[in-house]
């Protein structure tokens, strides 16, 4: 994130909806300040579970992309947690390092004895926004797209560097090319084949490469206008440079997703303002009255290299 406005906006967004960041409250002048570290969580109100309302997010400019297959941007990765899911997830808790947990998959993966293959099984009942079941083929196609670097110049490459993909160049340049690095023996099983053993592969499976993409809905660079949702929210409208509206995905099943609380009904992004994030009064967010000081949301900044990544060798 390059601007304070975006950093604040997206920190509040994740704090209020996804995974447990908390508000760091400035102390009134007549109060004794608390001694806390920079990342120590200050809980405004624990156990808050009220659903409903809208979150307004005011940003100084548009997202670079909403396409999970073309995303090496922190702001897309943070907001992406609202509308797409991955095989695993780097779950964040304020004041603590992220931990890898299952997301679309039933576990964080099973490795073969030689360390060269990782197998994942999709949870039952996971669906796209149109009610279509998410299958292993959708996961594989999402990974395939990220190899098309002539189309997606910002596609994340850490997973791809680990996979034994030969000279595969994605599904567009040569549609007849076979992608052997990922196999799908049935509709719920995905097998990844690596160049060499890599114990941290479950962290790579949390990257947006594994966000499912239905092949029939792929519109290449235009996919950013309406990425098909596998998460709790979906795109209702997107006016580039002006606004983005996310609404509930009626086919998201919270029983399959313990990582996202999904409390607000909607998110409304204004993409052409330099103001900070605000929440509408329609949602009872547990923040103290902003007087004599205004609390500010503070989340650990998410980077694209939170985990050790494999290095590809050059000839």
C-alpha atoms as a PDB file:
ATOM      1  CA  UNK A   1       0.000   0.000   0.000  1.00  0.00           C
ATOM      2  CA  UNK A   2       1.477   3.294  -1.051  1.00  0.00           C
ATOM      3  CA  UNK A   3      -0.739   5.817   0.704  1.00  0.00           C
ATOM      4  CA  UNK A   4      -1.840   6.274   4.328  1.00  0.00           C
ATOM      5  CA  UNK A   5      -5.440   6.492   3.153  1.00  0.00           C
ATOM      6  CA  UNK A   6      -5.365   3.022   1.622  1.00  0.00           C
ATOM      7  CA  UNK A   7      -3.546   1.602   4.602  1.00  0.00           C
ATOM      8  CA  UNK A   8      -6.152   2.964   7.026  1.00  0.00           C
ATOM      9  CA  UNK A   9      -9.094   2.031   4.833  1.00  0.00           C
ATOM     10  CA  UNK A  10      -8.062  -1.570   4.361  1.00  0.00           C
ATOM     11  CA  UNK A  11      -6.932  -2.003   7.956  1.00  0.00           C
ATOM     12  CA  UNK A  12     -10.378  -0.953   9.173  1.00  0.00           C
ATOM     13  CA  UNK A  13     -12.011  -3.168   6.564  1.00  0.00           C
ATOM     14  CA  UNK A  14     -10.259  -6.313   7.694  1.00  0.00           C
ATOM     15  CA  UNK A  15     -10.595  -5.314  11.336  1.00  0.00           C
ATOM     16  CA  UNK A  16     -14.330  -5.031  11.111  1.00  0.00           C
ATOM     17  CA  UNK A  17     -15.086  -8.032   8.962  1.00  0.00           C
ATOM     18  CA  UNK A  18     -12.572 -10.742   8.378  1.00  0.00           C
ATOM     19  CA  UNK A  19     -10.058 -11.886  10.879  1.00  0.00           C
ATOM     20  CA  UNK A  20      -9.564 -10.204  14.164  1.00  0.00           C
ATOM     21  CA  UNK A  21      -7.531  -7.016  13.927  1.00  0.00           C
ATOM     22  CA  UNK A  22      -8.425  -4.597  16.688  1.00  0.00           C
ATOM     23  CA  UNK A  23      -8.518  -0.880  17.267  1.00  0.00           C
ATOM     24  CA  UNK A  24      -5.622   0.935  18.843  1.00  0.00           C
ATOM     25  CA  UNK A  25      -7.177   3.766  20.848  1.00  0.00           C
ATOM     26  CA  UNK A  26      -5.403   7.074  21.438  1.00  0.00           C
ATOM     27  CA  UNK A  27      -5.493   7.920  25.111  1.00  0.00           C
ATOM     28  CA  UNK A  28      -7.268  11.060  26.431  1.00  0.00           C
ATOM     29  CA  UNK A  29      -4.894  13.732  27.688  1.00  0.00           C
ATOM     30  CA  UNK A  30      -6.074  13.290  31.275  1.00  0.00           C
ATOM     31  CA  UNK A  31      -5.562   9.499  31.237  1.00  0.00           C
ATOM     32  CA  UNK A  32      -2.420   7.578  32.021  1.00  0.00           C
ATOM     33  CA  UNK A  33      -1.151   6.138  28.722  1.00  0.00           C
ATOM     34  CA  UNK A  34      -0.817   2.381  28.513  1.00  0.00           C
ATOM     35  CA  UNK A  35       2.490   0.779  27.668  1.00  0.00           C
ATOM     36  CA  UNK A  36       1.924  -1.298  24.549  1.00  0.00           C
ATOM     37  CA  UNK A  37       4.077  -2.445  21.696  1.00  0.00           C
ATOM     38  CA  UNK A  38       3.405  -1.283  18.171  1.00  0.00           C
ATOM     39  CA  UNK A  39       1.508  -4.454  17.246  1.00  0.00           C
ATOM     40  CA  UNK A  40      -0.066  -5.271  20.603  1.00  0.00           C
ATOM     41  CA  UNK A  41      -3.853  -5.626  20.227  1.00  0.00           C
ATOM     42  CA  UNK A  42      -6.146  -3.292  22.154  1.00  0.00           C
ATOM     43  CA  UNK A  43      -9.589  -4.894  22.193  1.00  0.00           C
ATOM     44  CA  UNK A  44     -12.458  -2.422  21.901  1.00  0.00           C
ATOM     45  CA  UNK A  45     -15.090  -5.032  22.596  1.00  0.00           C
ATOM     46  CA  UNK A  46     -14.566  -8.758  22.506  1.00  0.00           C
ATOM     47  CA  UNK A  47     -17.167 -11.263  21.370  1.00  0.00           C
ATOM     48  CA  UNK A  48     -18.966  -8.841  19.045  1.00  0.00           C
ATOM     49  CA  UNK A  49     -21.262 -10.883  16.777  1.00  0.00           C
ATOM     50  CA  UNK A  50     -24.000  -8.489  15.614  1.00  0.00           C
ATOM     51  CA  UNK A  51     -24.728  -8.865  11.901  1.00  0.00           C
ATOM     52  CA  UNK A  52     -26.092  -6.290   9.473  1.00  0.00           C
ATOM     53  CA  UNK A  53     -25.424  -2.827   8.105  1.00  0.00           C
ATOM     54  CA  UNK A  54     -22.942  -1.375   5.694  1.00  0.00           C
ATOM     55  CA  UNK A  55     -19.265  -0.433   5.845  1.00  0.00           C
ATOM     56  CA  UNK A  56     -18.209   2.640   3.866  1.00  0.00           C
ATOM     57  CA  UNK A  57     -14.608   2.527   2.702  1.00  0.00           C
ATOM     58  CA  UNK A  58     -13.193   5.769   1.298  1.00  0.00           C
ATOM     59  CA  UNK A  59     -10.054   5.450  -0.832  1.00  0.00           C
ATOM     60  CA  UNK A  60      -7.917   7.915  -2.741  1.00  0.00           C
ATOM     61  CA  UNK A  61      -7.799   5.770  -5.896  1.00  0.00           C
ATOM     62  CA  UNK A  62      -8.987   2.534  -7.478  1.00  0.00           C
ATOM     63  CA  UNK A  63      -7.573  -0.941  -6.904  1.00  0.00           C
ATOM     64  CA  UNK A  64      -4.877  -2.061  -9.312  1.00  0.00           C
ATOM     65  CA  UNK A  65      -6.917  -5.217  -9.867  1.00  0.00           C
ATOM     66  CA  UNK A  66      -9.516  -7.429  -8.213  1.00  0.00           C
ATOM     67  CA  UNK A  67      -8.404 -10.507 -10.157  1.00  0.00           C
ATOM     68  CA  UNK A  68      -6.805 -12.993  -7.730  1.00  0.00           C
ATOM     69  CA  UNK A  69      -4.752 -14.390 -10.615  1.00  0.00           C
ATOM     70  CA  UNK A  70      -3.166 -11.029 -11.377  1.00  0.00           C
ATOM     71  CA  UNK A  71      -2.612  -9.850  -7.833  1.00  0.00           C
ATOM     72  CA  UNK A  72       0.679  -9.135  -6.160  1.00  0.00           C
ATOM     73  CA  UNK A  73      -0.839  -6.161  -4.368  1.00  0.00           C
ATOM     74  CA  UNK A  74      -1.424  -5.979  -0.628  1.00  0.00           C
ATOM     75  CA  UNK A  75      -4.694  -4.073  -0.956  1.00  0.00           C
ATOM     76  CA  UNK A  76      -6.146  -6.711  -3.316  1.00  0.00           C
ATOM     77  CA  UNK A  77      -4.985  -9.531  -1.045  1.00  0.00           C
ATOM     78  CA  UNK A  78      -6.648  -7.939   1.992  1.00  0.00           C
ATOM     79  CA  UNK A  79      -9.961  -7.101   0.341  1.00  0.00           C
ATOM     80  CA  UNK A  80      -9.809 -10.347  -1.602  1.00  0.00           C
ATOM     81  CA  UNK A  81     -10.464 -12.235   1.625  1.00  0.00           C
ATOM     82  CA  UNK A  82     -14.022 -10.978   1.320  1.00  0.00           C
ATOM     83  CA  UNK A  83     -14.806 -12.393  -2.129  1.00  0.00           C
ATOM     84  CA  UNK A  84     -12.440 -15.261  -2.805  1.00  0.00           C
ATOM     85  CA  UNK A  85     -11.119 -18.224  -0.855  1.00  0.00           C
ATOM     86  CA  UNK A  86      -7.969 -20.298  -1.303  1.00  0.00           C
ATOM     87  CA  UNK A  87      -6.961 -23.835  -0.366  1.00  0.00           C
ATOM     88  CA  UNK A  88      -5.333 -22.621   2.827  1.00  0.00           C
ATOM     89  CA  UNK A  89      -5.326 -19.238   4.511  1.00  0.00           C
ATOM     90  CA  UNK A  90      -2.749 -17.194   6.402  1.00  0.00           C
ATOM     91  CA  UNK A  91      -4.956 -16.345   9.357  1.00  0.00           C
ATOM     92  CA  UNK A  92      -3.916 -13.229  11.213  1.00  0.00           C
ATOM     93  CA  UNK A  93      -4.524 -12.329  14.831  1.00  0.00           C
ATOM     94  CA  UNK A  94      -3.532  -8.920  16.148  1.00  0.00           C
ATOM     95  CA  UNK A  95      -0.166  -8.985  17.853  1.00  0.00           C
ATOM     96  CA  UNK A  96       0.697 -12.481  16.605  1.00  0.00           C
ATOM     97  CA  UNK A  97       2.372 -13.905  13.502  1.00  0.00           C
ATOM     98  CA  UNK A  98       0.038 -15.417  10.877  1.00  0.00           C
ATOM     99  CA  UNK A  99      -0.690 -19.130  10.974  1.00  0.00           C
ATOM    100  CA  UNK A 100      -1.644 -21.363   8.054  1.00  0.00           C
ATOM    101  CA  UNK A 101      -5.111 -22.877   8.428  1.00  0.00           C
ATOM    102  CA  UNK A 102      -7.431 -24.755   6.029  1.00  0.00           C
ATOM    103  CA  UNK A 103      -9.777 -22.630   3.920  1.00  0.00           C
ATOM    104  CA  UNK A 104     -11.382 -24.394   0.932  1.00  0.00           C
ATOM    105  CA  UNK A 105      -9.393 -27.508   1.783  1.00  0.00           C
ATOM    106  CA  UNK A 106     -10.126 -29.899   4.627  1.00  0.00           C
ATOM    107  CA  UNK A 107      -6.589 -29.554   6.001  1.00  0.00           C
ATOM    108  CA  UNK A 108      -3.281 -27.860   5.227  1.00  0.00           C
ATOM    109  CA  UNK A 109      -2.224 -30.632   2.860  1.00  0.00           C
ATOM    110  CA  UNK A 110      -0.724 -34.119   2.913  1.00  0.00           C
ATOM    111  CA  UNK A 111       2.808 -34.558   1.644  1.00  0.00           C
ATOM    112  CA  UNK A 112       4.160 -37.672  -0.087  1.00  0.00           C
ATOM    113  CA  UNK A 113       7.034 -39.643   1.390  1.00  0.00           C
ATOM    114  CA  UNK A 114       9.522 -38.158  -1.072  1.00  0.00           C
ATOM    115  CA  UNK A 115       8.246 -34.629  -0.388  1.00  0.00           C
ATOM    116  CA  UNK A 116       7.553 -33.983  -4.060  1.00  0.00           C
ATOM    117  CA  UNK A 117       3.732 -34.055  -3.985  1.00  0.00           C
ATOM    118  CA  UNK A 118       1.124 -32.289  -1.879  1.00  0.00           C
ATOM    119  CA  UNK A 119      -2.494 -33.452  -1.908  1.00  0.00           C
ATOM    120  CA  UNK A 120      -5.540 -31.405  -0.914  1.00  0.00           C
ATOM    121  CA  UNK A 121      -9.207 -32.356  -0.587  1.00  0.00           C
ATOM    122  CA  UNK A 122     -11.928 -29.747  -1.025  1.00  0.00           C
ATOM    123  CA  UNK A 123     -14.543 -29.363   1.676  1.00  0.00           C
ATOM    124  CA  UNK A 124     -18.019 -30.525   0.798  1.00  0.00           C
ATOM    125  CA  UNK A 125     -20.604 -27.876   0.034  1.00  0.00           C
ATOM    126  CA  UNK A 126     -18.318 -25.061  -1.181  1.00  0.00           C
ATOM    127  CA  UNK A 127     -19.923 -23.113  -4.030  1.00  0.00           C
ATOM    128  CA  UNK A 128     -19.504 -20.137  -6.342  1.00  0.00           C
ATOM    129  CA  UNK A 129     -21.850 -17.167  -6.159  1.00  0.00           C
ATOM    130  CA  UNK A 130     -24.185 -18.731  -8.746  1.00  0.00           C
ATOM    131  CA  UNK A 131     -24.574 -21.908  -6.701  1.00  0.00           C
ATOM    132  CA  UNK A 132     -22.249 -23.977  -8.879  1.00  0.00           C
ATOM    133  CA  UNK A 133     -20.091 -26.377  -6.828  1.00  0.00           C
ATOM    134  CA  UNK A 134     -16.400 -25.498  -6.659  1.00  0.00           C
ATOM    135  CA  UNK A 135     -14.355 -28.390  -8.017  1.00  0.00           C
ATOM    136  CA  UNK A 136     -10.692 -29.317  -8.206  1.00  0.00           C
ATOM    137  CA  UNK A 137     -10.748 -28.307 -11.895  1.00  0.00           C
ATOM    138  CA  UNK A 138     -11.592 -24.735 -10.861  1.00  0.00           C
ATOM    139  CA  UNK A 139      -8.600 -24.669  -8.497  1.00  0.00           C
ATOM    140  CA  UNK A 140      -6.316 -26.065 -11.201  1.00  0.00           C
ATOM    141  CA  UNK A 141      -7.525 -23.517 -13.752  1.00  0.00           C
ATOM    142  CA  UNK A 142      -6.927 -20.691 -11.294  1.00  0.00           C
ATOM    143  CA  UNK A 143      -3.313 -21.860 -10.983  1.00  0.00           C
ATOM    144  CA  UNK A 144      -2.961 -22.282 -14.760  1.00  0.00           C
ATOM    145  CA  UNK A 145      -3.934 -18.640 -15.371  1.00  0.00           C
ATOM    146  CA  UNK A 146      -1.060 -17.370 -13.228  1.00  0.00           C
ATOM    147  CA  UNK A 147       1.428 -18.928 -15.660  1.00  0.00           C
ATOM    148  CA  UNK A 148       0.209 -16.595 -18.428  1.00  0.00           C
ATOM    149  CA  UNK A 149       2.622 -13.812 -17.556  1.00  0.00           C
ATOM    150  CA  UNK A 150       2.211 -12.284 -21.007  1.00  0.00           C
ATOM    151  CA  UNK A 151      -1.387 -11.507 -19.952  1.00  0.00           C
ATOM    152  CA  UNK A 152      -1.148 -11.182 -16.169  1.00  0.00           C
ATOM    153  CA  UNK A 153       2.009  -9.208 -15.485  1.00  0.00           C
ATOM    154  CA  UNK A 154       1.412  -9.129 -11.713  1.00  0.00           C
ATOM    155  CA  UNK A 155       0.513 -12.795 -11.250  1.00  0.00           C
ATOM    156  CA  UNK A 156       2.036 -14.198  -8.040  1.00  0.00           C
ATOM    157  CA  UNK A 157       4.916 -16.509  -8.906  1.00  0.00           C
ATOM    158  CA  UNK A 158       6.120 -18.040  -5.629  1.00  0.00           C
ATOM    159  CA  UNK A 159       3.966 -21.170  -6.007  1.00  0.00           C
ATOM    160  CA  UNK A 160       4.781 -21.426  -9.695  1.00  0.00           C
ATOM    161  CA  UNK A 161       8.512 -21.417  -8.925  1.00  0.00           C
ATOM    162  CA  UNK A 162       8.007 -24.473  -6.717  1.00  0.00           C
ATOM    163  CA  UNK A 163       5.880 -26.458  -9.176  1.00  0.00           C
ATOM    164  CA  UNK A 164       7.339 -28.900 -11.682  1.00  0.00           C
ATOM    165  CA  UNK A 165       5.613 -27.192 -14.582  1.00  0.00           C
ATOM    166  CA  UNK A 166       8.254 -27.498 -17.295  1.00  0.00           C
ATOM    167  CA  UNK A 167       7.794 -24.743 -19.853  1.00  0.00           C
ATOM    168  CA  UNK A 168       4.057 -24.297 -19.331  1.00  0.00           C
ATOM    169  CA  UNK A 169       2.899 -20.790 -20.376  1.00  0.00           C
ATOM    170  CA  UNK A 170      -0.724 -20.718 -19.296  1.00  0.00           C
ATOM    171  CA  UNK A 171      -4.029 -21.701 -20.917  1.00  0.00           C
ATOM    172  CA  UNK A 172      -4.232 -18.979 -23.594  1.00  0.00           C
ATOM    173  CA  UNK A 173      -1.156 -19.098 -25.820  1.00  0.00           C
ATOM    174  CA  UNK A 174      -1.448 -22.843 -26.479  1.00  0.00           C
ATOM    175  CA  UNK A 175      -4.777 -24.248 -25.207  1.00  0.00           C
ATOM    176  CA  UNK A 176      -3.647 -27.768 -26.130  1.00  0.00           C
ATOM    177  CA  UNK A 177      -0.662 -27.634 -23.746  1.00  0.00           C
ATOM    178  CA  UNK A 178      -0.964 -30.021 -20.807  1.00  0.00           C
ATOM    179  CA  UNK A 179      -0.362 -28.665 -17.309  1.00  0.00           C
ATOM    180  CA  UNK A 180       1.209 -31.643 -15.553  1.00  0.00           C
ATOM    181  CA  UNK A 181       2.218 -29.874 -12.337  1.00  0.00           C
ATOM    182  CA  UNK A 182      -1.338 -30.142 -10.959  1.00  0.00           C
ATOM    183  CA  UNK A 183      -3.541 -33.214 -11.200  1.00  0.00           C
ATOM    184  CA  UNK A 184      -7.233 -33.575 -10.376  1.00  0.00           C
ATOM    185  CA  UNK A 185      -8.039 -37.276  -9.979  1.00  0.00           C
ATOM    186  CA  UNK A 186     -11.598 -36.423  -8.929  1.00  0.00           C
ATOM    187  CA  UNK A 187     -13.772 -33.368  -8.330  1.00  0.00           C
ATOM    188  CA  UNK A 188     -12.535 -32.810  -4.783  1.00  0.00           C
ATOM    189  CA  UNK A 189      -8.877 -33.826  -4.981  1.00  0.00           C
ATOM    190  CA  UNK A 190      -5.947 -31.642  -6.100  1.00  0.00           C
ATOM    191  CA  UNK A 191      -2.366 -32.928  -6.305  1.00  0.00           C
ATOM    192  CA  UNK A 192       0.589 -30.556  -6.721  1.00  0.00           C
ATOM    193  CA  UNK A 193       3.912 -31.854  -8.075  1.00  0.00           C
ATOM    194  CA  UNK A 194       7.041 -30.003  -6.980  1.00  0.00           C
ATOM    195  CA  UNK A 195      10.541 -29.691  -8.441  1.00  0.00           C
ATOM    196  CA  UNK A 196      12.027 -30.475  -5.067  1.00  0.00           C
ATOM    197  CA  UNK A 197      10.710 -30.935  -1.511  1.00  0.00           C
ATOM    198  CA  UNK A 198       9.434 -27.755   0.117  1.00  0.00           C
ATOM    199  CA  UNK A 199       8.090 -28.088   3.651  1.00  0.00           C
ATOM    200  CA  UNK A 200       6.390 -24.672   3.600  1.00  0.00           C
ATOM    201  CA  UNK A 201       4.144 -25.507   0.638  1.00  0.00           C
ATOM    202  CA  UNK A 202       0.944 -25.070   2.745  1.00  0.00           C
ATOM    203  CA  UNK A 203       1.867 -21.383   2.964  1.00  0.00           C
ATOM    204  CA  UNK A 204       2.122 -21.212  -0.835  1.00  0.00           C
ATOM    205  CA  UNK A 205      -1.344 -22.793  -1.056  1.00  0.00           C
ATOM    206  CA  UNK A 206      -2.683 -19.720   0.755  1.00  0.00           C
ATOM    207  CA  UNK A 207      -1.651 -17.444  -2.089  1.00  0.00           C
ATOM    208  CA  UNK A 208      -4.250 -16.222  -4.560  1.00  0.00           C
ATOM    209  CA  UNK A 209      -3.021 -18.710  -7.182  1.00  0.00           C
ATOM    210  CA  UNK A 210      -5.361 -21.279  -5.611  1.00  0.00           C
ATOM    211  CA  UNK A 211      -8.463 -19.069  -5.706  1.00  0.00           C
ATOM    212  CA  UNK A 212     -10.908 -21.054  -7.873  1.00  0.00           C
ATOM    213  CA  UNK A 213     -11.818 -19.636 -11.291  1.00  0.00           C
ATOM    214  CA  UNK A 214     -14.563 -21.209 -13.444  1.00  0.00           C
ATOM    215  CA  UNK A 215     -13.047 -21.547 -16.912  1.00  0.00           C
ATOM    216  CA  UNK A 216     -16.300 -20.611 -18.639  1.00  0.00           C
ATOM    217  CA  UNK A 217     -16.359 -17.268 -16.792  1.00  0.00           C
ATOM    218  CA  UNK A 218     -12.741 -16.316 -17.475  1.00  0.00           C
ATOM    219  CA  UNK A 219     -12.526 -13.038 -19.410  1.00  0.00           C
ATOM    220  CA  UNK A 220      -8.756 -12.554 -19.095  1.00  0.00           C
ATOM    221  CA  UNK A 221      -7.956  -8.955 -18.121  1.00  0.00           C
ATOM    222  CA  UNK A 222     -11.659  -8.090 -17.894  1.00  0.00           C
ATOM    223  CA  UNK A 223     -12.082 -10.659 -15.117  1.00  0.00           C
ATOM    224  CA  UNK A 224     -11.130  -7.882 -12.703  1.00  0.00           C
ATOM    225  CA  UNK A 225     -14.533  -6.289 -13.348  1.00  0.00           C
ATOM    226  CA  UNK A 226     -16.381  -9.209 -11.776  1.00  0.00           C
ATOM    227  CA  UNK A 227     -14.275 -11.999 -10.298  1.00  0.00           C
ATOM    228  CA  UNK A 228     -16.623 -14.882  -9.529  1.00  0.00           C
ATOM    229  CA  UNK A 229     -17.007 -15.099  -5.763  1.00  0.00           C
ATOM    230  CA  UNK A 230     -16.143 -18.104  -3.638  1.00  0.00           C
ATOM    231  CA  UNK A 231     -16.154 -16.073  -0.403  1.00  0.00           C
ATOM    232  CA  UNK A 232     -18.818 -14.462   1.796  1.00  0.00           C
ATOM    233  CA  UNK A 233     -19.294 -11.424  -0.454  1.00  0.00           C
ATOM    234  CA  UNK A 234     -19.616 -10.875  -4.180  1.00  0.00           C
ATOM    235  CA  UNK A 235     -19.392  -7.928  -6.554  1.00  0.00           C
ATOM    236  CA  UNK A 236     -22.761  -6.258  -7.096  1.00  0.00           C
ATOM    237  CA  UNK A 237     -21.361  -3.317  -9.061  1.00  0.00           C
ATOM    238  CA  UNK A 238     -17.949  -1.968  -9.976  1.00  0.00           C
ATOM    239  CA  UNK A 239     -17.500   1.432 -11.626  1.00  0.00           C
ATOM    240  CA  UNK A 240     -13.762   1.670 -12.225  1.00  0.00           C
ATOM    241  CA  UNK A 241     -12.224   4.687 -10.545  1.00  0.00           C
ATOM    242  CA  UNK A 242     -15.454   5.577  -8.776  1.00  0.00           C
ATOM    243  CA  UNK A 243     -17.104   2.872  -6.697  1.00  0.00           C
ATOM    244  CA  UNK A 244     -17.277  -0.794  -5.749  1.00  0.00           C
ATOM    245  CA  UNK A 245     -20.200  -2.467  -3.992  1.00  0.00           C
ATOM    246  CA  UNK A 246     -19.893  -5.877  -2.323  1.00  0.00           C
ATOM    247  CA  UNK A 247     -22.992  -7.696  -1.127  1.00  0.00           C
ATOM    248  CA  UNK A 248     -23.521 -11.050   0.541  1.00  0.00           C
ATOM    249  CA  UNK A 249     -22.895 -14.172  -1.503  1.00  0.00           C
ATOM    250  CA  UNK A 250     -26.079 -16.214  -0.913  1.00  0.00           C
ATOM    251  CA  UNK A 251     -24.235 -19.467  -1.637  1.00  0.00           C
ATOM    252  CA  UNK A 252     -21.414 -18.952   0.868  1.00  0.00           C
ATOM    253  CA  UNK A 253     -21.858 -21.447   3.686  1.00  0.00           C
ATOM    254  CA  UNK A 254     -20.410 -20.250   7.022  1.00  0.00           C
ATOM    255  CA  UNK A 255     -20.276 -23.881   8.162  1.00  0.00           C
ATOM    256  CA  UNK A 256     -17.416 -24.368   5.675  1.00  0.00           C
ATOM    257  CA  UNK A 257     -15.627 -21.165   6.648  1.00  0.00           C
ATOM    258  CA  UNK A 258     -14.765 -20.600  10.330  1.00  0.00           C
ATOM    259  CA  UNK A 259     -12.151 -18.004   9.370  1.00  0.00           C
ATOM    260  CA  UNK A 260     -14.482 -15.205   8.240  1.00  0.00           C
ATOM    261  CA  UNK A 261     -17.139 -13.724  10.496  1.00  0.00           C
ATOM    262  CA  UNK A 262     -18.813 -11.749   7.655  1.00  0.00           C
ATOM    263  CA  UNK A 263     -20.796  -9.460   9.971  1.00  0.00           C
ATOM    264  CA  UNK A 264     -21.689  -6.501   7.678  1.00  0.00           C
ATOM    265  CA  UNK A 265     -24.295  -7.009   4.968  1.00  0.00           C
ATOM    266  CA  UNK A 266     -22.501  -4.811   2.438  1.00  0.00           C
ATOM    267  CA  UNK A 267     -19.271  -2.952   1.726  1.00  0.00           C
ATOM    268  CA  UNK A 268     -19.375   0.302  -0.232  1.00  0.00           C
ATOM    269  CA  UNK A 269     -16.045   1.548  -1.594  1.00  0.00           C
ATOM    270  CA  UNK A 270     -15.616   5.123  -2.800  1.00  0.00           C
ATOM    271  CA  UNK A 271     -12.548   5.067  -5.015  1.00  0.00           C
ATOM    272  CA  UNK A 272     -11.866   8.718  -5.716  1.00  0.00           C
ATOM    273  CA  UNK A 273     -11.545  10.455  -2.387  1.00  0.00           C
ATOM    274  CA  UNK A 274      -8.599  11.308  -0.138  1.00  0.00           C
ATOM    275  CA  UNK A 275     -10.608  10.948   3.044  1.00  0.00           C
ATOM    276  CA  UNK A 276     -10.116   8.209   5.610  1.00  0.00           C
ATOM    277  CA  UNK A 277     -12.356   5.209   6.152  1.00  0.00           C
ATOM    278  CA  UNK A 278     -15.621   5.671   7.990  1.00  0.00           C
ATOM    279  CA  UNK A 279     -18.366   3.305   9.036  1.00  0.00           C
ATOM    280  CA  UNK A 280     -22.011   4.102   8.515  1.00  0.00           C
ATOM    281  CA  UNK A 281     -24.247   4.551  11.513  1.00  0.00           C
ATOM    282  CA  UNK A 282     -26.435   1.699  10.284  1.00  0.00           C
ATOM    283  CA  UNK A 283     -23.978  -0.871  11.656  1.00  0.00           C
ATOM    284  CA  UNK A 284     -23.374  -0.740  15.420  1.00  0.00           C
ATOM    285  CA  UNK A 285     -19.574  -0.950  15.398  1.00  0.00           C
ATOM    286  CA  UNK A 286     -18.212  -1.141  18.954  1.00  0.00           C
ATOM    287  CA  UNK A 287     -15.962   1.935  18.823  1.00  0.00           C
ATOM    288  CA  UNK A 288     -16.037   4.482  21.677  1.00  0.00           C
ATOM    289  CA  UNK A 289     -17.352   7.984  21.105  1.00  0.00           C
ATOM    290  CA  UNK A 290     -14.569   9.836  19.257  1.00  0.00           C
ATOM    291  CA  UNK A 291     -13.998  12.383  21.988  1.00  0.00           C
ATOM    292  CA  UNK A 292     -11.622  13.456  23.427  1.00  0.00           C
ATOM    293  CA  UNK A 293      -9.601  11.211  21.118  1.00  0.00           C
ATOM    294  CA  UNK A 294     -10.407   9.227  17.966  1.00  0.00           C
ATOM    295  CA  UNK A 295      -9.439   5.541  17.910  1.00  0.00           C
ATOM    296  CA  UNK A 296      -7.641   4.383  14.816  1.00  0.00           C
ATOM    297  CA  UNK A 297      -7.655   0.861  13.449  1.00  0.00           C
ATOM    298  CA  UNK A 298      -4.293  -0.814  13.419  1.00  0.00           C
ATOM    299  CA  UNK A 299      -3.488  -4.138  11.753  1.00  0.00           C
ATOM    300  CA  UNK A 300      -0.187  -5.792  11.182  1.00  0.00           C
ATOM    301  CA  UNK A 301       0.753  -4.909   7.629  1.00  0.00           C
ATOM    302  CA  UNK A 302       0.437  -7.930   5.403  1.00  0.00           C
ATOM    303  CA  UNK A 303       3.354  -8.433   3.079  1.00  0.00           C
ATOM    304  CA  UNK A 304       3.689 -10.665   0.085  1.00  0.00           C
ATOM    305  CA  UNK A 305       6.701 -12.467   1.641  1.00  0.00           C
ATOM    306  CA  UNK A 306       5.497 -13.531   5.034  1.00  0.00           C
ATOM    307  CA  UNK A 307       6.740 -17.060   4.365  1.00  0.00           C
ATOM    308  CA  UNK A 308       9.995 -18.536   3.059  1.00  0.00           C
ATOM    309  CA  UNK A 309       9.648 -18.907  -0.681  1.00  0.00           C
ATOM    310  CA  UNK A 310      11.446 -21.290  -3.050  1.00  0.00           C
ATOM    311  CA  UNK A 311      13.905 -19.797  -5.484  1.00  0.00           C
ATOM    312  CA  UNK A 312      13.811 -20.862  -9.081  1.00  0.00           C
ATOM    313  CA  UNK A 313      17.119 -21.714 -10.648  1.00  0.00           C
ATOM    314  CA  UNK A 314      18.290 -20.204 -13.869  1.00  0.00           C
ATOM    315  CA  UNK A 315      20.341 -22.113 -16.350  1.00  0.00           C
END
